[in-house]
Amino acid sequence: MFATPAFAQTAGATAAGPDGFLAMIIQFAPLLLVFVVFYFLILRPQQKRARDQAATIGAVKKGDSVVTAGGVLGKVTKVEDAFVEVEIAPSIKIRVVKSTLADVTPLGSKPAND
């Protein structure tokens, strides 16, 4: 009769304590499962691809054929720390930022259709 609202709230919470926690875990389990699947199917392969791309760009050397992100094809003539000099036509050389290289083909490799 003289129970305060605070006492009434705590009495109900203690009665449903262990069952309430279990219900909360069951409710969040599908959401957690979606995040785990998302990580293994999307994030991990993307991170691996980015590491491989960075390693390929870091290993570029003189004589390699490259494709820039803008679609320019050429042959590397000079490599610096952050820039690469690419010959796109006889006696026409341009400097591009290393991080804009999209594909690197090593010297002496054969095309896919040969």
Protein backbone atom coordinates (compact mmCIF):
# COMPACT_ATOMS: atom_id res chain seq x y z
CA MET A 1 0.00 0.00 0.00
CA PHE A 2 2.81 2.42 0.82
CA ALA A 3 5.30 1.01 -1.73
CA THR A 4 7.23 3.65 -3.61
CA PRO A 5 7.49 3.51 -7.42
CA ALA A 6 11.28 2.91 -7.20
CA PHE A 7 10.79 -0.15 -5.00
CA ALA A 8 8.16 -1.52 -7.34
CA GLN A 9 10.47 -1.17 -10.36
CA THR A 10 13.41 -2.95 -8.73
CA ALA A 11 11.23 -5.78 -7.49
CA GLY A 12 10.08 -6.60 -11.03
CA ALA A 13 13.64 -6.43 -12.45
CA THR A 14 15.07 -8.89 -9.93
CA ALA A 15 12.33 -11.39 -10.58
CA ALA A 16 13.05 -11.45 -14.34
CA GLY A 17 16.87 -11.16 -14.02
CA PRO A 18 18.32 -14.38 -15.48
CA ASP A 19 15.46 -14.93 -17.92
CA GLY A 20 15.67 -11.34 -19.16
CA PHE A 21 19.39 -11.64 -19.87
CA LEU A 22 18.92 -14.86 -21.79
CA ALA A 23 16.12 -13.31 -23.83
CA MET A 24 18.35 -10.34 -24.65
CA ILE A 25 21.17 -12.65 -25.81
CA ILE A 26 18.76 -14.62 -28.02
CA GLN A 27 17.41 -11.38 -29.46
CA PHE A 28 20.87 -10.04 -30.40
CA ALA A 29 22.29 -13.36 -31.67
CA PRO A 30 21.01 -12.97 -35.27
CA LEU A 31 22.38 -9.43 -35.46
CA LEU A 32 25.75 -10.62 -34.20
CA LEU A 33 25.70 -13.48 -36.71
CA VAL A 34 25.06 -11.02 -39.57
CA PHE A 35 28.08 -8.93 -38.52
CA VAL A 36 30.31 -12.02 -38.38
CA VAL A 37 29.20 -13.17 -41.85
CA PHE A 38 29.64 -9.61 -43.20
CA TYR A 39 33.20 -9.53 -41.84
CA PHE A 40 34.22 -12.85 -43.39
CA LEU A 41 32.50 -12.36 -46.76
CA ILE A 42 33.10 -8.64 -47.36
CA LEU A 43 35.71 -7.00 -45.13
CA ARG A 44 38.46 -9.65 -44.97
CA PRO A 45 38.71 -10.21 -48.74
CA GLN A 46 38.69 -6.45 -49.32
CA GLN A 47 41.52 -5.94 -46.81
CA LYS A 48 43.54 -8.75 -48.41
CA ARG A 49 43.03 -7.23 -51.86
CA ALA A 50 44.17 -3.82 -50.58
CA ARG A 51 47.31 -5.33 -48.99
CA ASP A 52 48.16 -7.16 -52.22
CA GLN A 53 47.63 -4.00 -54.29
CA ALA A 54 49.86 -1.97 -51.95
CA ALA A 55 52.59 -4.62 -52.15
CA THR A 56 52.38 -4.67 -55.95
CA ILE A 57 52.61 -0.89 -56.18
CA GLY A 58 55.49 -0.83 -53.71
CA ALA A 59 57.43 -3.35 -55.82
CA VAL A 60 57.06 -1.50 -59.14
CA LYS A 61 60.38 -1.16 -60.96
CA LYS A 62 61.84 0.16 -64.18
CA GLY A 63 60.56 -1.70 -67.24
CA ASP A 64 57.20 -2.78 -65.78
CA SER A 65 54.04 -2.11 -67.75
CA VAL A 66 51.45 -0.17 -65.76
CA VAL A 67 47.89 1.03 -66.02
CA THR A 68 46.92 4.13 -64.07
CA ALA A 69 43.55 4.64 -62.41
CA GLY A 70 42.72 7.00 -65.27
CA GLY A 71 43.29 4.27 -67.82
CA VAL A 72 46.65 5.41 -69.17
CA LEU A 73 48.89 2.52 -70.30
CA GLY A 74 52.64 2.83 -70.31
CA LYS A 75 56.06 1.53 -69.37
CA VAL A 76 57.90 2.62 -66.23
CA THR A 77 61.13 4.48 -66.95
CA LYS A 78 61.94 5.91 -63.53
CA VAL A 79 60.79 5.11 -59.97
CA GLU A 80 60.90 7.59 -57.08
CA ASP A 81 59.47 7.43 -53.57
CA ALA A 82 56.00 8.77 -54.35
CA PHE A 83 56.11 9.21 -58.12
CA VAL A 84 56.69 7.05 -61.18
CA GLU A 85 57.74 8.26 -64.60
CA VAL A 86 55.76 6.43 -67.30
CA GLU A 87 56.48 6.43 -71.02
CA ILE A 88 53.11 6.41 -72.78
CA ALA A 89 54.46 6.81 -76.33
CA PRO A 90 57.94 7.03 -77.84
CA SER A 91 59.69 10.03 -76.24
CA ILE A 92 56.52 11.07 -74.29
CA LYS A 93 56.92 10.63 -70.55
CA ILE A 94 54.56 11.59 -67.75
CA ARG A 95 54.92 11.54 -63.98
CA VAL A 96 52.16 9.88 -62.02
CA VAL A 97 51.63 9.34 -58.33
CA LYS A 98 52.42 5.75 -57.33
CA SER A 99 49.14 5.31 -55.47
CA THR A 100 47.18 5.94 -58.68
CA LEU A 101 48.57 2.83 -60.36
CA ALA A 102 45.77 0.35 -60.89
CA ASP A 103 47.68 -2.57 -62.40
CA VAL A 104 51.34 -3.54 -62.70
CA THR A 105 52.56 -6.17 -65.16
CA PRO A 106 56.15 -7.30 -64.61
CA LEU A 107 58.76 -7.00 -67.35
CA GLY A 108 58.80 -9.94 -69.74
CA SER A 109 55.36 -11.33 -68.92
CA LYS A 110 53.21 -12.67 -71.74
CA PRO A 111 49.69 -11.44 -72.50
CA ALA A 112 46.82 -13.72 -71.49
CA ASN A 113 45.85 -14.60 -75.08
CA ASP A 114 49.29 -15.81 -76.23
